[in-house]
Amino acid sequence: MTEFEFRSLVERGPVLLDGATGTSLFSSGMPMGVCTEGWVLDHPNVVKNLQKTYVEAGSQIIYAPTFGANRHNLAWYGLDSNLSELIARLVAISKEAASGKAYVAGDMSMTGLTLEDLGGEASFDQIFDLYHEQAQALDDAGVDLFVVETMLSLEETEAALDAIRSVSDKPVMCTLSYDADGTTMYGTRCGEAVETLQALGASAVGLNCSVGPDQLEAVVAAMKSAAEIPIIAKPNAGLPLIDDAGNTVYPMGPMEFAENMKKLVAAGASVIGGCCGTTPEYIRKLRLMLEGRLI
């Protein structure tokens, strides 16, 4: 996928992403505390069937299950010896699920290390090298584009974007997790992130995870006012709660989610989907909303 093809896709109308992977896998039996990528390789049909359902629901871009597939994260589980082969197998699952009906984005997130500038132990070069290796493997595996998501610091997002741009000219979407006031855990303001990342070559920027769409209209509007590129909105199905049994639940149903996402589209989001707690039914409702048939 080229930058021109990505921009043309957005210009034809809001682009529909997929919904949650992690919470859906937990619902399908993945235990807490395991390596998600390793569990997916042991149960490939679970992700394949989930992503097929997302495509059937209307997703135009699905995320490969490579969220934590960098050498540092995988080393905790002894799965770092052949990272390129592991990533190739994970991407192949999504490409089979997409079956040419949706684009597959190579998914990258936090490395598991904290930059020295943020009080951690890792240099920018160390973080860059982890992302560079992951990005190269994703590009070799044939992803159509990249997404850097659920980021908490602008600095680490910059490292990921720089690393991708050093190996590929495919589109790159970047999303950070913001509170309702428009700041990340490390204090990055949403407008600052937009201006910085678009200057570094991001194809689209925005937000994912954290809270529900009912709390993000002002954040999306602030991002849009600073943006020269498309804005992404992929929030949770509401602010997560803990029920009496100690389980994490997401209180916003598909219809309410879609109704609130309509406000985010009006505020400037042109690439939309769902994060934690969302399912293919949420994506169906988003598709109906975009088609003006939400009832």
C-alpha atoms as a PDB file:
ATOM      1  CA  MET A   1       0.000   0.000   0.000  1.00  0.00           C
ATOM      2  CA  THR A   2       1.349   3.397  -0.926  1.00  0.00           C
ATOM      3  CA  GLU A   3       0.831   6.734   0.796  1.00  0.00           C
ATOM      4  CA  PHE A   4      -1.313   7.807  -2.154  1.00  0.00           C
ATOM      5  CA  GLU A   5      -3.476   4.689  -1.838  1.00  0.00           C
ATOM      6  CA  PHE A   6      -3.916   5.269   1.889  1.00  0.00           C
ATOM      7  CA  ARG A   7      -4.912   8.905   1.465  1.00  0.00           C
ATOM      8  CA  SER A   8      -7.278   7.972  -1.384  1.00  0.00           C
ATOM      9  CA  LEU A   9      -8.917   5.378   0.851  1.00  0.00           C
ATOM     10  CA  VAL A  10      -9.515   7.984   3.556  1.00  0.00           C
ATOM     11  CA  GLU A  11     -10.821  10.531   1.051  1.00  0.00           C
ATOM     12  CA  ARG A  12     -13.503   8.100  -0.121  1.00  0.00           C
ATOM     13  CA  GLY A  13     -15.074   8.190   3.342  1.00  0.00           C
ATOM     14  CA  PRO A  14     -14.131   7.310   6.917  1.00  0.00           C
ATOM     15  CA  VAL A  15     -11.945   4.194   7.013  1.00  0.00           C
ATOM     16  CA  LEU A  16     -13.099   1.394   9.291  1.00  0.00           C
ATOM     17  CA  LEU A  17     -10.497  -0.413  11.399  1.00  0.00           C
ATOM     18  CA  ASP A  18     -11.047  -3.572  13.442  1.00  0.00           C
ATOM     19  CA  GLY A  19     -12.036  -3.908  17.094  1.00  0.00           C
ATOM     20  CA  ALA A  20     -10.281  -5.426  20.077  1.00  0.00           C
ATOM     21  CA  THR A  21      -7.926  -8.374  19.823  1.00  0.00           C
ATOM     22  CA  GLY A  22      -6.687  -8.826  23.403  1.00  0.00           C
ATOM     23  CA  THR A  23     -10.016  -8.776  25.242  1.00  0.00           C
ATOM     24  CA  SER A  24     -11.525 -10.980  22.525  1.00  0.00           C
ATOM     25  CA  LEU A  25      -8.741 -13.534  22.992  1.00  0.00           C
ATOM     26  CA  PHE A  26      -9.316 -13.592  26.742  1.00  0.00           C
ATOM     27  CA  SER A  27     -12.994 -14.261  26.041  1.00  0.00           C
ATOM     28  CA  SER A  28     -11.901 -17.150  23.817  1.00  0.00           C
ATOM     29  CA  GLY A  29      -9.831 -18.808  26.537  1.00  0.00           C
ATOM     30  CA  MET A  30      -6.407 -17.180  26.473  1.00  0.00           C
ATOM     31  CA  PRO A  31      -5.110 -17.201  30.085  1.00  0.00           C
ATOM     32  CA  MET A  32      -3.829 -14.076  31.780  1.00  0.00           C
ATOM     33  CA  GLY A  33      -0.051 -13.763  31.961  1.00  0.00           C
ATOM     34  CA  VAL A  34       0.851 -15.765  28.856  1.00  0.00           C
ATOM     35  CA  CYS A  35       2.683 -14.408  25.817  1.00  0.00           C
ATOM     36  CA  THR A  36      -0.105 -13.337  23.491  1.00  0.00           C
ATOM     37  CA  GLU A  37       1.950 -13.918  20.344  1.00  0.00           C
ATOM     38  CA  GLY A  38       2.941 -17.418  21.478  1.00  0.00           C
ATOM     39  CA  TRP A  39      -0.648 -18.286  22.389  1.00  0.00           C
ATOM     40  CA  VAL A  40      -1.853 -17.076  18.992  1.00  0.00           C
ATOM     41  CA  LEU A  41       0.644 -19.307  17.209  1.00  0.00           C
ATOM     42  CA  ASP A  42      -0.610 -22.263  19.263  1.00  0.00           C
ATOM     43  CA  HIS A  43      -4.251 -21.330  18.508  1.00  0.00           C
ATOM     44  CA  PRO A  44      -4.127 -19.695  15.056  1.00  0.00           C
ATOM     45  CA  ASN A  45      -7.744 -20.375  14.187  1.00  0.00           C
ATOM     46  CA  VAL A  46      -8.975 -18.256  17.107  1.00  0.00           C
ATOM     47  CA  VAL A  47      -7.417 -15.084  15.696  1.00  0.00           C
ATOM     48  CA  LYS A  48      -8.100 -16.090  12.107  1.00  0.00           C
ATOM     49  CA  ASN A  49     -11.805 -16.557  12.773  1.00  0.00           C
ATOM     50  CA  LEU A  50     -11.989 -13.348  14.812  1.00  0.00           C
ATOM     51  CA  GLN A  51     -10.368 -11.311  12.078  1.00  0.00           C
ATOM     52  CA  LYS A  52     -12.496 -12.906   9.361  1.00  0.00           C
ATOM     53  CA  THR A  53     -15.523 -11.784  11.336  1.00  0.00           C
ATOM     54  CA  TYR A  54     -14.124  -8.262  11.585  1.00  0.00           C
ATOM     55  CA  VAL A  55     -13.682  -8.171   7.809  1.00  0.00           C
ATOM     56  CA  GLU A  56     -17.209  -9.464   7.305  1.00  0.00           C
ATOM     57  CA  ALA A  57     -18.442  -6.758   9.687  1.00  0.00           C
ATOM     58  CA  GLY A  58     -16.821  -4.056   7.568  1.00  0.00           C
ATOM     59  CA  SER A  59     -13.194  -3.613   8.685  1.00  0.00           C
ATOM     60  CA  GLN A  60     -11.057  -2.265   5.861  1.00  0.00           C
ATOM     61  CA  ILE A  61      -7.831  -2.555   7.862  1.00  0.00           C
ATOM     62  CA  ILE A  62      -7.094  -5.270  10.424  1.00  0.00           C
ATOM     63  CA  TYR A  63      -4.145  -5.366  12.818  1.00  0.00           C
ATOM     64  CA  ALA A  64      -1.759  -8.329  12.686  1.00  0.00           C
ATOM     65  CA  PRO A  65      -1.297  -9.935  16.141  1.00  0.00           C
ATOM     66  CA  THR A  66       2.245  -8.558  16.495  1.00  0.00           C
ATOM     67  CA  PHE A  67       1.525  -5.960  19.210  1.00  0.00           C
ATOM     68  CA  GLY A  68       4.343  -7.084  21.533  1.00  0.00           C
ATOM     69  CA  ALA A  69       6.502  -8.938  19.023  1.00  0.00           C
ATOM     70  CA  ASN A  70       9.805  -7.212  19.732  1.00  0.00           C
ATOM     71  CA  ARG A  71      12.912  -8.956  20.989  1.00  0.00           C
ATOM     72  CA  HIS A  72      12.763  -7.521  24.534  1.00  0.00           C
ATOM     73  CA  ASN A  73       9.168  -8.575  25.168  1.00  0.00           C
ATOM     74  CA  LEU A  74       9.548 -11.999  23.574  1.00  0.00           C
ATOM     75  CA  ALA A  75      12.715 -12.753  25.555  1.00  0.00           C
ATOM     76  CA  TRP A  76      10.638 -12.956  28.748  1.00  0.00           C
ATOM     77  CA  TYR A  77       8.988 -16.054  27.260  1.00  0.00           C
ATOM     78  CA  GLY A  78      12.012 -17.532  25.490  1.00  0.00           C
ATOM     79  CA  LEU A  79      10.535 -16.733  22.070  1.00  0.00           C
ATOM     80  CA  ASP A  80      13.159 -14.290  20.806  1.00  0.00           C
ATOM     81  CA  SER A  81      15.494 -16.709  19.018  1.00  0.00           C
ATOM     82  CA  ASN A  82      13.783 -16.478  15.619  1.00  0.00           C
ATOM     83  CA  LEU A  83      11.830 -13.263  15.705  1.00  0.00           C
ATOM     84  CA  SER A  84      11.524 -12.882  11.928  1.00  0.00           C
ATOM     85  CA  GLU A  85       9.987 -16.318  11.476  1.00  0.00           C
ATOM     86  CA  LEU A  86       7.578 -15.741  14.380  1.00  0.00           C
ATOM     87  CA  ILE A  87       6.414 -12.437  12.928  1.00  0.00           C
ATOM     88  CA  ALA A  88       6.041 -13.946   9.462  1.00  0.00           C
ATOM     89  CA  ARG A  89       3.754 -16.653  10.869  1.00  0.00           C
ATOM     90  CA  LEU A  90       1.664 -14.102  12.766  1.00  0.00           C
ATOM     91  CA  VAL A  91       1.261 -11.877   9.708  1.00  0.00           C
ATOM     92  CA  ALA A  92       0.326 -14.898   7.590  1.00  0.00           C
ATOM     93  CA  ILE A  93      -2.613 -15.605   9.928  1.00  0.00           C
ATOM     94  CA  SER A  94      -4.005 -12.114   9.351  1.00  0.00           C
ATOM     95  CA  LYS A  95      -3.361 -12.166   5.613  1.00  0.00           C
ATOM     96  CA  GLU A  96      -5.297 -15.412   5.350  1.00  0.00           C
ATOM     97  CA  ALA A  97      -8.120 -13.904   7.412  1.00  0.00           C
ATOM     98  CA  ALA A  98      -8.181 -10.767   5.253  1.00  0.00           C
ATOM     99  CA  SER A  99      -8.249 -12.856   2.073  1.00  0.00           C
ATOM    100  CA  GLY A 100      -7.615  -9.775  -0.034  1.00  0.00           C
ATOM    101  CA  LYS A 101     -10.742  -8.031   1.291  1.00  0.00           C
ATOM    102  CA  ALA A 102      -8.925  -5.846   3.853  1.00  0.00           C
ATOM    103  CA  TYR A 103      -5.456  -4.437   4.379  1.00  0.00           C
ATOM    104  CA  VAL A 104      -3.187  -5.908   7.061  1.00  0.00           C
ATOM    105  CA  ALA A 105      -1.318  -3.501   9.318  1.00  0.00           C
ATOM    106  CA  GLY A 106       1.865  -4.551  11.081  1.00  0.00           C
ATOM    107  CA  ASP A 107       1.107  -3.766  14.725  1.00  0.00           C
ATOM    108  CA  MET A 108       3.804  -2.337  17.028  1.00  0.00           C
ATOM    109  CA  SER A 109       3.483  -1.027  20.569  1.00  0.00           C
ATOM    110  CA  MET A 110       5.562  -0.367  23.697  1.00  0.00           C
ATOM    111  CA  THR A 111       8.893  -2.195  23.887  1.00  0.00           C
ATOM    112  CA  GLY A 112       8.620  -2.980  27.582  1.00  0.00           C
ATOM    113  CA  LEU A 113      11.558  -0.659  28.310  1.00  0.00           C
ATOM    114  CA  THR A 114      11.446   2.957  29.494  1.00  0.00           C
ATOM    115  CA  LEU A 115      13.563   5.669  27.941  1.00  0.00           C
ATOM    116  CA  GLU A 116      16.261   7.302  30.072  1.00  0.00           C
ATOM    117  CA  ASP A 117      14.665  10.717  29.451  1.00  0.00           C
ATOM    118  CA  LEU A 118      11.537   9.410  31.186  1.00  0.00           C
ATOM    119  CA  GLY A 119      13.394   7.986  34.180  1.00  0.00           C
ATOM    120  CA  GLY A 120      14.056   4.556  32.708  1.00  0.00           C
ATOM    121  CA  GLU A 121      16.990   2.417  31.739  1.00  0.00           C
ATOM    122  CA  ALA A 122      17.010   2.454  27.925  1.00  0.00           C
ATOM    123  CA  SER A 123      18.630   4.863  25.482  1.00  0.00           C
ATOM    124  CA  PHE A 124      16.820   6.113  22.390  1.00  0.00           C
ATOM    125  CA  ASP A 125      19.183   4.004  20.259  1.00  0.00           C
ATOM    126  CA  GLN A 126      18.289   0.825  22.179  1.00  0.00           C
ATOM    127  CA  ILE A 127      14.578   1.461  21.711  1.00  0.00           C
ATOM    128  CA  PHE A 128      15.126   2.352  18.060  1.00  0.00           C
ATOM    129  CA  ASP A 129      17.022  -0.906  17.446  1.00  0.00           C
ATOM    130  CA  LEU A 130      14.183  -2.992  18.912  1.00  0.00           C
ATOM    131  CA  TYR A 131      11.648  -1.262  16.703  1.00  0.00           C
ATOM    132  CA  HIS A 132      13.916  -1.404  13.652  1.00  0.00           C
ATOM    133  CA  GLU A 133      14.216  -5.183  13.922  1.00  0.00           C
ATOM    134  CA  GLN A 134      10.453  -5.593  14.371  1.00  0.00           C
ATOM    135  CA  ALA A 135       9.643  -3.207  11.523  1.00  0.00           C
ATOM    136  CA  GLN A 136      12.036  -4.963   9.155  1.00  0.00           C
ATOM    137  CA  ALA A 137      10.482  -8.338   9.953  1.00  0.00           C
ATOM    138  CA  LEU A 138       6.970  -6.945   9.436  1.00  0.00           C
ATOM    139  CA  ASP A 139       7.941  -5.379   6.123  1.00  0.00           C
ATOM    140  CA  ASP A 140       9.572  -8.627   4.994  1.00  0.00           C
ATOM    141  CA  ALA A 141       6.400 -10.491   5.988  1.00  0.00           C
ATOM    142  CA  GLY A 142       4.412  -8.343   3.561  1.00  0.00           C
ATOM    143  CA  VAL A 143       2.240  -6.111   5.728  1.00  0.00           C
ATOM    144  CA  ASP A 144       0.372  -3.451   3.747  1.00  0.00           C
ATOM    145  CA  LEU A 145       1.033  -0.661   6.244  1.00  0.00           C
ATOM    146  CA  PHE A 146       2.117  -0.131   9.862  1.00  0.00           C
ATOM    147  CA  VAL A 147       0.422   0.966  13.058  1.00  0.00           C
ATOM    148  CA  VAL A 148       2.176   2.135  16.226  1.00  0.00           C
ATOM    149  CA  GLU A 149      -0.503   1.968  18.922  1.00  0.00           C
ATOM    150  CA  THR A 150      -1.365   2.240  22.607  1.00  0.00           C
ATOM    151  CA  MET A 151       1.670   4.436  23.178  1.00  0.00           C
ATOM    152  CA  LEU A 152       2.142   6.319  26.435  1.00  0.00           C
ATOM    153  CA  SER A 153       5.082   8.548  25.514  1.00  0.00           C
ATOM    154  CA  LEU A 154       5.690  10.696  22.474  1.00  0.00           C
ATOM    155  CA  GLU A 155       9.411   9.950  22.646  1.00  0.00           C
ATOM    156  CA  GLU A 156       8.956   6.196  22.231  1.00  0.00           C
ATOM    157  CA  THR A 157       6.426   6.783  19.459  1.00  0.00           C
ATOM    158  CA  GLU A 158       9.023   8.901  17.672  1.00  0.00           C
ATOM    159  CA  ALA A 159      11.542   6.048  17.964  1.00  0.00           C
ATOM    160  CA  ALA A 160       9.062   3.580  16.472  1.00  0.00           C
ATOM    161  CA  LEU A 161       8.143   5.913  13.618  1.00  0.00           C
ATOM    162  CA  ASP A 162      11.804   6.669  12.862  1.00  0.00           C
ATOM    163  CA  ALA A 163      12.569   2.942  12.834  1.00  0.00           C
ATOM    164  CA  ILE A 164       9.741   2.144  10.439  1.00  0.00           C
ATOM    165  CA  ARG A 165      10.676   4.989   8.128  1.00  0.00           C
ATOM    166  CA  SER A 166      14.248   3.643   8.014  1.00  0.00           C
ATOM    167  CA  VAL A 167      13.041   0.390   6.438  1.00  0.00           C
ATOM    168  CA  SER A 168       9.799   1.194   4.592  1.00  0.00           C
ATOM    169  CA  ASP A 169       7.857   3.923   2.811  1.00  0.00           C
ATOM    170  CA  LYS A 170       4.501   2.251   3.491  1.00  0.00           C
ATOM    171  CA  PRO A 171       1.859   4.241   5.423  1.00  0.00           C
ATOM    172  CA  VAL A 172       2.292   4.499   9.199  1.00  0.00           C
ATOM    173  CA  MET A 173      -0.577   5.193  11.599  1.00  0.00           C
ATOM    174  CA  CYS A 174       0.321   6.320  15.136  1.00  0.00           C
ATOM    175  CA  THR A 175      -2.021   6.359  18.136  1.00  0.00           C
ATOM    176  CA  LEU A 176      -1.351   7.282  21.752  1.00  0.00           C
ATOM    177  CA  SER A 177      -3.558   6.638  24.781  1.00  0.00           C
ATOM    178  CA  TYR A 178      -5.019   9.828  26.224  1.00  0.00           C
ATOM    179  CA  ASP A 179      -7.075  10.633  29.262  1.00  0.00           C
ATOM    180  CA  ALA A 180     -10.229  12.657  28.742  1.00  0.00           C
ATOM    181  CA  ASP A 181      -8.197  15.836  29.282  1.00  0.00           C
ATOM    182  CA  GLY A 182      -6.066  15.098  26.225  1.00  0.00           C
ATOM    183  CA  THR A 183      -2.800  14.122  27.932  1.00  0.00           C
ATOM    184  CA  THR A 184      -0.889  10.846  28.071  1.00  0.00           C
ATOM    185  CA  MET A 185       0.485   9.256  31.224  1.00  0.00           C
ATOM    186  CA  TYR A 186       3.787  11.075  30.548  1.00  0.00           C
ATOM    187  CA  GLY A 187       2.084  14.426  30.024  1.00  0.00           C
ATOM    188  CA  THR A 188       2.146  14.696  26.229  1.00  0.00           C
ATOM    189  CA  ARG A 189      -0.652  16.934  24.949  1.00  0.00           C
ATOM    190  CA  CYS A 190      -2.640  15.630  21.994  1.00  0.00           C
ATOM    191  CA  GLY A 191      -1.936  18.656  19.791  1.00  0.00           C
ATOM    192  CA  GLU A 192       1.800  18.393  20.457  1.00  0.00           C
ATOM    193  CA  ALA A 193       1.781  14.736  19.390  1.00  0.00           C
ATOM    194  CA  VAL A 194      -0.057  15.516  16.163  1.00  0.00           C
ATOM    195  CA  GLU A 195       2.340  18.298  15.187  1.00  0.00           C
ATOM    196  CA  THR A 196       5.449  16.263  16.026  1.00  0.00           C
ATOM    197  CA  LEU A 197       4.443  12.985  14.407  1.00  0.00           C
ATOM    198  CA  GLN A 198       3.104  14.447  11.187  1.00  0.00           C
ATOM    199  CA  ALA A 199       6.370  16.388  10.829  1.00  0.00           C
ATOM    200  CA  LEU A 200       8.268  13.083  11.195  1.00  0.00           C
ATOM    201  CA  GLY A 201       6.271  11.423   8.417  1.00  0.00           C
ATOM    202  CA  ALA A 202       3.270   9.756  10.043  1.00  0.00           C
ATOM    203  CA  SER A 203       0.420   9.082   7.611  1.00  0.00           C
ATOM    204  CA  ALA A 204      -2.298   9.421  10.254  1.00  0.00           C
ATOM    205  CA  VAL A 205      -2.300  10.139  13.979  1.00  0.00           C
ATOM    206  CA  GLY A 206      -4.801   9.793  16.774  1.00  0.00           C
ATOM    207  CA  LEU A 207      -5.835   7.935  19.883  1.00  0.00           C
ATOM    208  CA  ASN A 208      -6.722   4.465  21.059  1.00  0.00           C
ATOM    209  CA  CYS A 209      -7.576   2.602  24.267  1.00  0.00           C
ATOM    210  CA  SER A 210      -7.867   4.427  27.630  1.00  0.00           C
ATOM    211  CA  VAL A 211     -11.451   5.685  27.841  1.00  0.00           C
ATOM    212  CA  GLY A 212     -14.687   5.508  25.849  1.00  0.00           C
ATOM    213  CA  PRO A 213     -15.727   7.688  22.894  1.00  0.00           C
ATOM    214  CA  ASP A 214     -18.121   9.639  25.097  1.00  0.00           C
ATOM    215  CA  GLN A 215     -15.121  11.355  26.738  1.00  0.00           C
ATOM    216  CA  LEU A 216     -13.034  12.091  23.661  1.00  0.00           C
ATOM    217  CA  GLU A 217     -14.931  14.545  21.462  1.00  0.00           C
ATOM    218  CA  ALA A 218     -12.886  17.544  22.638  1.00  0.00           C
ATOM    219  CA  VAL A 219      -9.639  15.569  22.292  1.00  0.00           C
ATOM    220  CA  VAL A 220     -10.408  14.611  18.692  1.00  0.00           C
ATOM    221  CA  ALA A 221     -11.384  18.202  17.892  1.00  0.00           C
ATOM    222  CA  ALA A 222      -8.098  19.477  19.348  1.00  0.00           C
ATOM    223  CA  MET A 223      -6.137  16.950  17.277  1.00  0.00           C
ATOM    224  CA  LYS A 224      -8.027  17.870  14.124  1.00  0.00           C
ATOM    225  CA  SER A 225      -7.244  21.546  14.618  1.00  0.00           C
ATOM    226  CA  ALA A 226      -3.509  20.754  14.607  1.00  0.00           C
ATOM    227  CA  ALA A 227      -3.594  18.128  11.856  1.00  0.00           C
ATOM    228  CA  GLU A 228      -2.630  18.135   8.198  1.00  0.00           C
ATOM    229  CA  ILE A 229      -3.140  14.351   8.044  1.00  0.00           C
ATOM    230  CA  PRO A 230      -6.073  12.047   8.941  1.00  0.00           C
ATOM    231  CA  ILE A 231      -7.121  11.631  12.583  1.00  0.00           C
ATOM    232  CA  ILE A 232      -7.657   8.163  14.101  1.00  0.00           C
ATOM    233  CA  ALA A 233     -10.112   7.301  16.880  1.00  0.00           C
ATOM    234  CA  LYS A 234     -10.073   3.743  18.275  1.00  0.00           C
ATOM    235  CA  PRO A 235     -11.334   4.006  21.879  1.00  0.00           C
ATOM    236  CA  ASN A 236     -12.455   1.410  24.408  1.00  0.00           C
ATOM    237  CA  ALA A 237     -16.063   0.345  24.902  1.00  0.00           C
ATOM    238  CA  GLY A 238     -16.290   2.785  27.787  1.00  0.00           C
ATOM    239  CA  LEU A 239     -14.111   3.314  30.827  1.00  0.00           C
ATOM    240  CA  PRO A 240     -13.219  -0.154  32.211  1.00  0.00           C
ATOM    241  CA  LEU A 241     -14.838  -1.172  35.494  1.00  0.00           C
ATOM    242  CA  ILE A 242     -14.263  -4.030  37.937  1.00  0.00           C
ATOM    243  CA  ASP A 243     -17.351  -6.124  38.706  1.00  0.00           C
ATOM    244  CA  ASP A 244     -18.157  -7.910  41.986  1.00  0.00           C
ATOM    245  CA  ALA A 245     -16.254 -10.981  40.833  1.00  0.00           C
ATOM    246  CA  GLY A 246     -13.101  -8.974  40.156  1.00  0.00           C
ATOM    247  CA  ASN A 247     -13.446  -9.096  36.370  1.00  0.00           C
ATOM    248  CA  THR A 248     -12.734  -6.138  34.097  1.00  0.00           C
ATOM    249  CA  VAL A 249     -15.853  -5.132  32.185  1.00  0.00           C
ATOM    250  CA  TYR A 250     -16.512  -2.507  29.542  1.00  0.00           C
ATOM    251  CA  PRO A 251     -19.940  -0.947  30.060  1.00  0.00           C
ATOM    252  CA  MET A 252     -20.703   0.597  26.659  1.00  0.00           C
ATOM    253  CA  GLY A 253     -22.725  -1.563  24.272  1.00  0.00           C
ATOM    254  CA  PRO A 254     -22.381  -1.561  20.463  1.00  0.00           C
ATOM    255  CA  MET A 255     -25.250   0.861  19.764  1.00  0.00           C
ATOM    256  CA  GLU A 256     -24.150   3.423  22.364  1.00  0.00           C
ATOM    257  CA  PHE A 257     -20.565   3.078  21.151  1.00  0.00           C
ATOM    258  CA  ALA A 258     -21.565   3.789  17.543  1.00  0.00           C
ATOM    259  CA  GLU A 259     -23.721   6.752  18.532  1.00  0.00           C
ATOM    260  CA  ASN A 260     -20.803   8.313  20.400  1.00  0.00           C
ATOM    261  CA  MET A 261     -18.367   7.503  17.605  1.00  0.00           C
ATOM    262  CA  LYS A 262     -20.611   9.480  15.255  1.00  0.00           C
ATOM    263  CA  LYS A 263     -19.711  12.544  17.339  1.00  0.00           C
ATOM    264  CA  LEU A 264     -16.004  11.777  16.964  1.00  0.00           C
ATOM    265  CA  VAL A 265     -16.401  11.572  13.189  1.00  0.00           C
ATOM    266  CA  ALA A 266     -18.151  14.948  13.269  1.00  0.00           C
ATOM    267  CA  ALA A 267     -15.260  16.289  15.371  1.00  0.00           C
ATOM    268  CA  GLY A 268     -12.745  15.252  12.732  1.00  0.00           C
ATOM    269  CA  ALA A 269     -11.898  11.534  13.007  1.00  0.00           C
ATOM    270  CA  SER A 270     -11.679   9.877   9.593  1.00  0.00           C
ATOM    271  CA  VAL A 271     -10.109   6.533  10.566  1.00  0.00           C
ATOM    272  CA  ILE A 272     -12.167   4.751  13.229  1.00  0.00           C
ATOM    273  CA  GLY A 273     -12.467   1.454  15.079  1.00  0.00           C
ATOM    274  CA  GLY A 274     -12.654  -0.016  18.554  1.00  0.00           C
ATOM    275  CA  CYS A 275     -10.185  -1.025  21.231  1.00  0.00           C
ATOM    276  CA  CYS A 276     -10.658  -2.968  24.497  1.00  0.00           C
ATOM    277  CA  GLY A 277     -14.102  -4.449  25.012  1.00  0.00           C
ATOM    278  CA  THR A 278     -15.225  -4.068  21.400  1.00  0.00           C
ATOM    279  CA  THR A 279     -16.177  -7.011  19.187  1.00  0.00           C
ATOM    280  CA  PRO A 280     -17.230  -7.529  15.553  1.00  0.00           C
ATOM    281  CA  GLU A 281     -20.741  -6.390  16.513  1.00  0.00           C
ATOM    282  CA  TYR A 282     -19.315  -2.975  17.415  1.00  0.00           C
ATOM    283  CA  ILE A 283     -17.706  -2.766  13.979  1.00  0.00           C
ATOM    284  CA  ARG A 284     -21.002  -3.709  12.313  1.00  0.00           C
ATOM    285  CA  LYS A 285     -22.707  -0.890  14.164  1.00  0.00           C
ATOM    286  CA  LEU A 286     -19.954   1.534  13.115  1.00  0.00           C
ATOM    287  CA  ARG A 287     -20.419   0.480   9.490  1.00  0.00           C
ATOM    288  CA  LEU A 288     -24.170   1.074   9.743  1.00  0.00           C
ATOM    289  CA  MET A 289     -23.495   4.456  11.357  1.00  0.00           C
ATOM    290  CA  LEU A 290     -21.197   5.461   8.501  1.00  0.00           C
ATOM    291  CA  GLU A 291     -23.803   4.312   5.991  1.00  0.00           C
ATOM    292  CA  GLY A 292     -26.517   6.314   7.749  1.00  0.00           C
ATOM    293  CA  ARG A 293     -28.454   3.154   8.636  1.00  0.00           C
ATOM    294  CA  LEU A 294     -27.908   2.981  12.390  1.00  0.00           C
ATOM    295  CA  ILE A 295     -31.247   2.119  14.034  1.00  0.00           C
END
